Structure formats: structure tokens, C-alpha cells
């Protein structure tokens, strides 16, 4: 489910939605999808667009994980990672892992 709607400015580290997997997924919602195979079977399927979820401050505080924070401005409540850079988050994640024992 998406947490931000169309034409909303996004930045690196901002949480734009949730997925069904347990691990994080780095996405770039501003990048256009490449249309490589226009004649694929099923291209005429009906696409159901779900409106974005607008979270209140209380809902946002319940939603976030340990490595995330809530950014509150007079007009918006945004969710974001504490460490904004994806490469820095990867380094931080790797440094917390216990060393392999062979």
C-alpha cells in the first residue's frame, strides 16, 4: 500500500509505501517505468489503483520500525528512515551483523 499520493515531493530515505516482504525495498517512485514489451499478453487487464493511506500522527508512531522516524511539519506527517542514504544504511546493517564462523 502506498503512503504518498501523486505529485508529492519525495527524497531519499522517505518511506513511500509498505510491502509484504519482511526486508526493506529501496525504490525510486520518480523514475518512469520502461515500456519494453508493449504487446505482452494480459496488457489489457484492468488495473485497480488504491488511494494512498493518510496516517495520523498516532498511526505513524505505531507504524514505524526502530530504524525509522516520523517527520512532522505544520502541513504533513511523513515517515522516513533515520539514516537517509541507502548506501549508509547498508553499511550500518552489515556492521551490526555478527561475523561468520566457519
Protein backbone atom coordinates (compact mmCIF):
# COMPACT_ATOMS: atom_id res chain seq x y z
CA UNK A 1 0.00 0.00 0.00
CA UNK A 2 1.25 3.47 -0.81
CA UNK A 3 1.60 6.15 1.83
CA UNK A 4 2.17 9.11 -0.52
CA UNK A 5 -0.02 10.27 -3.36
CA UNK A 6 0.80 11.53 -6.84
CA UNK A 7 2.78 14.75 -7.30
CA UNK A 8 4.17 14.64 -3.75
CA UNK A 9 7.83 15.59 -3.49
CA UNK A 10 9.89 12.65 -2.20
CA UNK A 11 13.51 12.37 -1.11
CA UNK A 12 15.98 9.58 -0.42
CA UNK A 13 15.12 7.73 2.76
CA UNK A 14 11.45 8.71 2.73
CA UNK A 15 9.04 5.82 3.27
CA UNK A 16 6.58 5.83 0.36
CA UNK A 17 4.77 2.54 0.99
CA UNK A 18 4.77 -0.89 2.54
CA UNK A 19 5.35 -4.30 1.01
CA UNK A 20 4.50 -7.85 2.00
CA UNK A 21 8.13 -8.90 2.45
CA UNK A 22 9.99 -8.65 5.74
CA UNK A 23 13.07 -6.91 4.33
CA UNK A 24 13.39 -3.35 3.04
CA UNK A 25 12.99 -2.43 -0.60
CA UNK A 26 14.71 0.66 -1.98
CA UNK A 27 12.56 2.23 -4.71
CA UNK A 28 12.61 5.40 -6.76
CA UNK A 29 9.00 6.49 -7.32
CA UNK A 30 10.09 9.41 -9.52
CA UNK A 31 11.66 7.12 -12.14
CA UNK A 32 9.41 6.20 -15.05
CA UNK A 33 8.87 2.51 -15.80
CA UNK A 34 10.40 1.32 -19.07
CA UNK A 35 7.82 0.00 -21.53
CA UNK A 36 9.79 -2.76 -23.25
CA UNK A 37 7.18 -5.29 -24.36
CA UNK A 38 4.02 -3.43 -25.32
CA UNK A 39 2.34 -6.48 -26.88
CA UNK A 40 2.57 -8.73 -23.85
CA UNK A 41 -0.37 -10.97 -23.09
CA UNK A 42 -2.67 -9.53 -20.48
CA UNK A 43 -1.75 -5.93 -21.22
CA UNK A 44 -5.46 -5.08 -21.39
CA UNK A 45 -6.07 -6.16 -17.78
CA UNK A 46 -7.89 -3.74 -15.54
CA UNK A 47 -5.51 -2.08 -13.08
CA UNK A 48 -7.02 -1.26 -9.71
CA UNK A 49 -5.45 1.81 -8.12
CA UNK A 50 -5.75 2.04 -4.37
CA UNK A 51 -5.68 5.57 -2.93
CA UNK A 52 -2.75 6.32 -0.60
CA UNK A 53 -3.18 5.91 3.14
CA UNK A 54 -3.05 9.18 5.06
CA UNK A 55 -1.70 8.37 8.51
CA UNK A 56 -2.41 10.45 11.57
CA UNK A 57 0.43 11.18 13.98
CA UNK A 58 -0.66 8.36 16.29
CA UNK A 59 -0.93 5.88 13.39
CA UNK A 60 2.50 6.93 12.10
CA UNK A 61 4.09 6.38 15.52
CA UNK A 62 2.57 2.88 15.66
CA UNK A 63 3.68 2.12 12.09
CA UNK A 64 7.41 2.96 12.27
CA UNK A 65 10.20 0.48 12.99
CA UNK A 66 13.28 1.00 15.17
CA UNK A 67 15.34 2.49 12.31
CA UNK A 68 12.63 4.94 11.22
CA UNK A 69 11.27 8.26 12.47
CA UNK A 70 8.23 10.47 11.98
CA UNK A 71 8.76 13.90 10.45
CA UNK A 72 6.05 16.36 11.47
CA UNK A 73 5.53 19.72 9.76
CA UNK A 74 2.54 22.08 10.00
CA UNK A 75 1.06 20.56 6.82
CA UNK A 76 2.40 16.98 6.69
CA UNK A 77 3.22 13.88 8.68
CA UNK A 78 5.95 11.92 6.86
CA UNK A 79 7.72 8.67 7.61
CA UNK A 80 11.42 8.36 6.88
CA UNK A 81 14.49 6.34 7.69
CA UNK A 82 16.75 7.69 10.43
CA UNK A 83 19.74 7.26 8.09
CA UNK A 84 18.64 8.73 4.75
CA UNK A 85 21.29 7.32 2.40
CA UNK A 86 20.63 3.75 1.19
CA UNK A 87 24.36 3.01 0.98
CA UNK A 88 24.92 4.24 4.55
CA UNK A 89 22.02 2.08 5.76
CA UNK A 90 23.58 -0.94 4.04
CA UNK A 91 26.94 -0.28 5.70
CA UNK A 92 25.25 0.15 9.06
CA UNK A 93 23.29 -3.09 8.60
CA UNK A 94 26.44 -5.01 7.64
CA UNK A 95 28.40 -3.69 10.61
CA UNK A 96 25.71 -4.92 13.03
CA UNK A 97 25.76 -8.49 11.68
CA UNK A 98 27.76 -10.97 13.72
CA UNK A 99 30.86 -12.32 11.94
CA UNK A 100 30.53 -15.67 10.17
CA UNK A 101 32.04 -18.69 11.88
CA UNK A 102 33.25 -21.45 9.60
